[in-house]
Amino acid sequence: MKNVNSFSGVLVAISVIVCWFVSLFFLLRWDFEWANPLVYLMILVQMHLFTGLFITAHDAMHGTISPNKNINNFFGYLAVFLYAGFFYNRLYTKHHQHHSHVHTEEDPDFAPHGFWKWYFRFMMNYVTIIQLVIMAIAYNVLNIWVDEENLLLFWVLPSLLSTFQLFYFGTYLPHKGEHNNEYHASTLKKNHFVAFITCYFFGYHLEHHQKPGMPWWQLYKTKSNHG
């Protein structure tokens, strides 16, 4: 596994998971006022942290968290389950189908006819009945201790918004249209701040396909030498 540092990848994964958990913990306990603009900022922050969970699992799918397979997969299973009750092995298979059959009928991340059809196909390829049952159980258990407004605003809504963030910036924009490369992918211009805020550097999507062994937190380096 190239580009894997046994400590750095684990540290980054732990940092993302801890930031998500700490933020969610305090937000679910927050006695907020709807007129407070910080409420809406924190929805976006929590959305970004949810996206970070999925990106962490994505790194695990490429073996870039740790050269130790058990440690690497542990973070993959944990991150994607915390994200929305997903099962890592199913997502692993689907994601590698995407890399092997990009922009074809066998690509689970591709649909040729418009944003919404593409988004719903993208979601239906990953969402399962058991995953929805897990999330429903989690919601009702959390609702025992957490006010429903907090639960909907800081857990349900950010997780749903993050699916749009992941899809739009990490799949739709990079792969829509025609491209003059074997990966059928485009890339953002070099603006590392925008690339991080939008989707943890996965707007540098052509570079990800060229170097799938590069973890998200190093992906910006692929753009350091060209625009």
Protein backbone atom coordinates (compact mmCIF):
# COMPACT_ATOMS: atom_id res chain seq x y z
CA MET A 1 0.00 0.00 0.00
CA LYS A 2 1.76 3.09 -1.18
CA ASN A 3 1.74 6.42 0.63
CA VAL A 4 0.55 4.85 3.91
CA ASN A 5 2.14 6.01 7.14
CA SER A 6 1.19 3.66 9.98
CA PHE A 7 0.71 6.54 12.44
CA SER A 8 -0.43 9.54 10.40
CA GLY A 9 -3.37 7.81 8.71
CA VAL A 10 -4.71 6.49 12.00
CA LEU A 11 -4.25 9.89 13.67
CA VAL A 12 -6.20 11.65 10.91
CA ALA A 13 -8.99 9.04 11.05
CA ILE A 14 -9.26 9.34 14.84
CA SER A 15 -9.28 13.14 14.60
CA VAL A 16 -12.19 13.16 12.14
CA ILE A 17 -14.23 10.68 14.18
CA VAL A 18 -13.56 12.48 17.47
CA CYS A 19 -14.43 15.90 15.99
CA TRP A 20 -17.69 14.48 14.64
CA PHE A 21 -18.57 12.85 17.96
CA VAL A 22 -17.69 15.81 20.19
CA SER A 23 -19.55 18.26 17.94
CA LEU A 24 -22.61 16.02 17.78
CA PHE A 25 -22.57 15.40 21.54
CA PHE A 26 -22.71 19.09 22.38
CA LEU A 27 -25.16 19.96 19.60
CA LEU A 28 -27.63 17.32 20.73
CA ARG A 29 -27.55 18.83 24.23
CA TRP A 30 -27.73 22.45 23.05
CA ASP A 31 -30.67 24.50 24.29
CA PHE A 32 -30.61 26.62 21.14
CA GLU A 33 -32.73 29.51 19.89
CA TRP A 34 -33.92 29.46 16.28
CA ALA A 35 -32.95 33.13 15.86
CA ASN A 36 -29.31 32.36 16.63
CA PRO A 37 -27.38 32.35 13.32
CA LEU A 38 -24.82 30.01 14.87
CA VAL A 39 -27.44 27.26 14.67
CA TYR A 40 -27.35 27.29 10.88
CA LEU A 41 -23.58 27.52 10.74
CA MET A 42 -23.33 24.46 12.98
CA ILE A 43 -25.66 22.51 10.70
CA LEU A 44 -23.13 23.09 7.92
CA VAL A 45 -20.20 22.25 10.19
CA GLN A 46 -21.88 19.01 11.22
CA MET A 47 -22.67 18.25 7.58
CA HIS A 48 -18.98 18.62 6.77
CA LEU A 49 -18.02 16.34 9.65
CA PHE A 50 -20.51 13.70 8.48
CA THR A 51 -18.87 13.92 5.06
CA GLY A 52 -15.54 13.44 6.82
CA LEU A 53 -16.77 10.14 8.25
CA PHE A 54 -17.57 8.86 4.78
CA ILE A 55 -14.26 10.12 3.39
CA THR A 56 -12.49 8.29 6.23
CA ALA A 57 -14.27 5.07 5.27
CA HIS A 58 -13.37 5.76 1.64
CA ASP A 59 -9.70 6.01 2.60
CA ALA A 60 -10.02 2.64 4.33
CA MET A 61 -11.44 1.19 1.10
CA HIS A 62 -8.15 2.12 -0.56
CA GLY A 63 -6.06 0.88 2.36
CA THR A 64 -4.67 4.32 3.14
CA ILE A 65 -5.43 4.58 6.86
CA SER A 66 -2.99 1.92 8.03
CA PRO A 67 -0.77 -0.74 6.42
CA ASN A 68 -2.22 -3.09 9.05
CA LYS A 69 -5.31 -4.48 7.30
CA ASN A 70 -7.22 -5.13 10.53
CA ILE A 71 -6.66 -1.58 11.83
CA ASN A 72 -7.43 -0.10 8.42
CA ASN A 73 -10.69 -2.05 8.09
CA PHE A 74 -11.70 -1.32 11.69
CA PHE A 75 -11.75 2.41 10.95
CA GLY A 76 -13.59 1.75 7.71
CA TYR A 77 -16.32 -0.27 9.43
CA LEU A 78 -16.58 2.23 12.29
CA ALA A 79 -16.70 5.39 10.19
CA VAL A 80 -19.28 4.19 7.69
CA PHE A 81 -21.50 2.69 10.42
CA LEU A 82 -21.42 5.93 12.39
CA TYR A 83 -22.17 7.83 9.18
CA ALA A 84 -25.51 6.13 8.54
CA GLY A 85 -25.56 2.50 9.63
CA PHE A 86 -23.89 1.33 6.43
CA PHE A 87 -21.93 -1.90 6.12
CA TYR A 88 -18.34 -1.38 5.03
CA ASN A 89 -17.97 -4.59 3.05
CA ARG A 90 -20.93 -3.72 0.81
CA LEU A 91 -19.64 -0.20 0.17
CA TYR A 92 -16.14 -1.56 -0.43
CA THR A 93 -17.40 -3.80 -3.22
CA LYS A 94 -19.48 -1.05 -4.81
CA HIS A 95 -16.69 1.52 -4.66
CA HIS A 96 -14.18 -0.74 -6.34
CA GLN A 97 -16.73 -1.47 -9.04
CA HIS A 98 -16.75 2.27 -9.64
CA HIS A 99 -12.98 2.36 -10.05
CA SER A 100 -12.95 -0.73 -12.28
CA HIS A 101 -15.91 0.21 -14.50
CA VAL A 102 -15.98 4.00 -14.36
CA HIS A 103 -18.58 5.72 -16.56
CA THR A 104 -20.19 2.43 -17.69
CA GLU A 105 -23.41 0.57 -16.89
CA GLU A 106 -21.45 -1.48 -14.34
CA ASP A 107 -20.44 1.71 -12.50
CA PRO A 108 -22.74 2.07 -9.44
CA ASP A 109 -21.82 5.76 -9.14
CA PHE A 110 -22.88 6.72 -12.67
CA ALA A 111 -26.14 7.56 -14.41
CA PRO A 112 -26.18 9.44 -17.72
CA HIS A 113 -29.45 11.38 -17.53
CA GLY A 114 -29.35 14.41 -15.25
CA PHE A 115 -28.59 15.32 -11.67
CA TRP A 116 -31.63 13.91 -9.89
CA LYS A 117 -31.78 10.58 -11.70
CA TRP A 118 -28.07 10.21 -11.11
CA TYR A 119 -28.41 11.10 -7.40
CA PHE A 120 -31.25 8.65 -6.77
CA ARG A 121 -29.44 5.85 -8.61
CA PHE A 122 -26.34 6.68 -6.55
CA MET A 123 -28.35 6.47 -3.31
CA MET A 124 -30.30 3.35 -4.25
CA ASN A 125 -27.06 1.53 -4.97
CA TYR A 126 -25.94 2.04 -1.38
CA VAL A 127 -29.04 2.29 0.83
CA THR A 128 -30.50 -1.01 2.07
CA ILE A 129 -33.57 -1.95 4.13
CA ILE A 130 -31.46 -3.13 7.05
CA GLN A 131 -29.52 0.15 7.03
CA LEU A 132 -32.79 2.09 7.23
CA VAL A 133 -33.95 -0.15 10.10
CA ILE A 134 -30.69 0.48 11.96
CA MET A 135 -31.09 4.25 11.55
CA ALA A 136 -34.73 4.11 12.67
CA ILE A 137 -33.77 2.18 15.79
CA ALA A 138 -30.90 4.61 16.50
CA TYR A 139 -33.24 7.57 16.07
CA ASN A 140 -35.81 6.21 18.50
CA VAL A 141 -33.21 5.22 21.07
CA LEU A 142 -31.53 8.64 20.91
CA ASN A 143 -34.94 10.29 21.15
CA ILE A 144 -35.29 8.87 24.65
CA TRP A 145 -32.61 11.29 25.87
CA VAL A 146 -32.40 13.92 23.12
CA ASP A 147 -35.00 16.53 22.17
CA GLU A 148 -36.46 15.75 18.76
CA GLU A 149 -35.64 19.24 17.42
CA ASN A 150 -31.95 18.73 18.20
CA LEU A 151 -32.02 15.25 16.75
CA LEU A 152 -33.59 16.36 13.49
CA LEU A 153 -31.53 19.53 13.14
CA PHE A 154 -28.07 18.30 14.10
CA TRP A 155 -28.14 14.58 13.32
CA VAL A 156 -30.72 13.81 10.63
CA LEU A 157 -30.46 16.97 8.52
CA PRO A 158 -26.63 17.20 8.38
CA SER A 159 -26.36 13.53 7.44
CA LEU A 160 -28.84 13.99 4.58
CA LEU A 161 -27.12 17.17 3.41
CA SER A 162 -23.79 15.40 3.42
CA THR A 163 -25.10 12.90 0.86
CA PHE A 164 -25.62 15.84 -1.49
CA GLN A 165 -22.16 17.20 -0.64
CA LEU A 166 -20.53 13.84 -1.34
CA PHE A 167 -22.52 13.24 -4.50
CA TYR A 168 -22.31 16.73 -6.02
CA PHE A 169 -18.64 17.50 -5.36
CA GLY A 170 -17.25 13.96 -5.22
CA THR A 171 -19.17 12.22 -8.01
CA TYR A 172 -21.45 14.39 -10.16
CA LEU A 173 -19.19 17.35 -10.94
CA PRO A 174 -16.04 15.26 -11.57
CA HIS A 175 -17.74 12.64 -13.77
CA LYS A 176 -20.49 14.48 -15.64
CA GLY A 177 -20.02 15.14 -19.34
CA GLU A 178 -17.30 13.82 -21.60
CA HIS A 179 -13.61 13.69 -20.70
CA ASN A 180 -10.40 13.09 -22.59
CA ASN A 181 -8.92 10.61 -20.13
CA GLU A 182 -9.37 6.95 -19.26
CA TYR A 183 -10.94 7.76 -15.89
CA HIS A 184 -13.71 9.95 -17.37
CA ALA A 185 -13.02 12.49 -14.64
CA SER A 186 -12.28 16.18 -14.34
CA THR A 187 -10.59 18.11 -11.55
CA LEU A 188 -10.95 21.38 -9.67
CA LYS A 189 -8.54 24.14 -10.37
CA LYS A 190 -5.88 24.46 -7.72
CA ASN A 191 -7.53 26.10 -4.74
CA HIS A 192 -6.84 23.96 -1.71
CA PHE A 193 -9.21 25.79 0.64
CA VAL A 194 -12.17 25.38 -1.71
CA ALA A 195 -11.18 21.79 -2.40
CA PHE A 196 -11.14 20.95 1.31
CA ILE A 197 -14.36 22.76 2.21
CA THR A 198 -16.33 21.25 -0.67
CA CYS A 199 -15.32 17.59 -0.31
CA TYR A 200 -12.02 16.94 1.49
CA PHE A 201 -9.99 17.44 -1.71
CA PHE A 202 -12.03 14.95 -3.74
CA GLY A 203 -12.75 17.67 -6.26
CA TYR A 204 -9.23 16.69 -7.32
CA HIS A 205 -10.96 13.67 -8.70
CA LEU A 206 -8.87 12.83 -11.73
CA GLU A 207 -5.86 12.78 -9.42
CA HIS A 208 -7.67 10.41 -7.06
CA HIS A 209 -8.30 7.96 -9.88
CA GLN A 210 -4.70 8.28 -11.01
CA LYS A 211 -3.39 7.77 -7.47
CA PRO A 212 -6.04 5.89 -5.45
CA GLY A 213 -3.39 5.05 -2.84
CA MET A 214 -3.12 8.72 -1.85
CA PRO A 215 -5.08 9.48 1.35
CA TRP A 216 -7.49 12.43 1.28
CA TRP A 217 -5.28 14.61 3.49
CA GLN A 218 -2.37 14.28 1.04
CA LEU A 219 -4.40 14.51 -2.16
CA TYR A 220 -3.78 18.27 -2.44
CA LYS A 221 -0.11 17.46 -3.13
CA THR A 222 -1.10 16.01 -6.50
CA LYS A 223 -2.17 19.53 -7.47
CA SER A 224 0.96 21.26 -6.16
CA ASN A 225 2.83 20.85 -9.40
CA HIS A 226 0.04 21.66 -11.84
CA GLY A 227 -3.18 23.66 -11.96
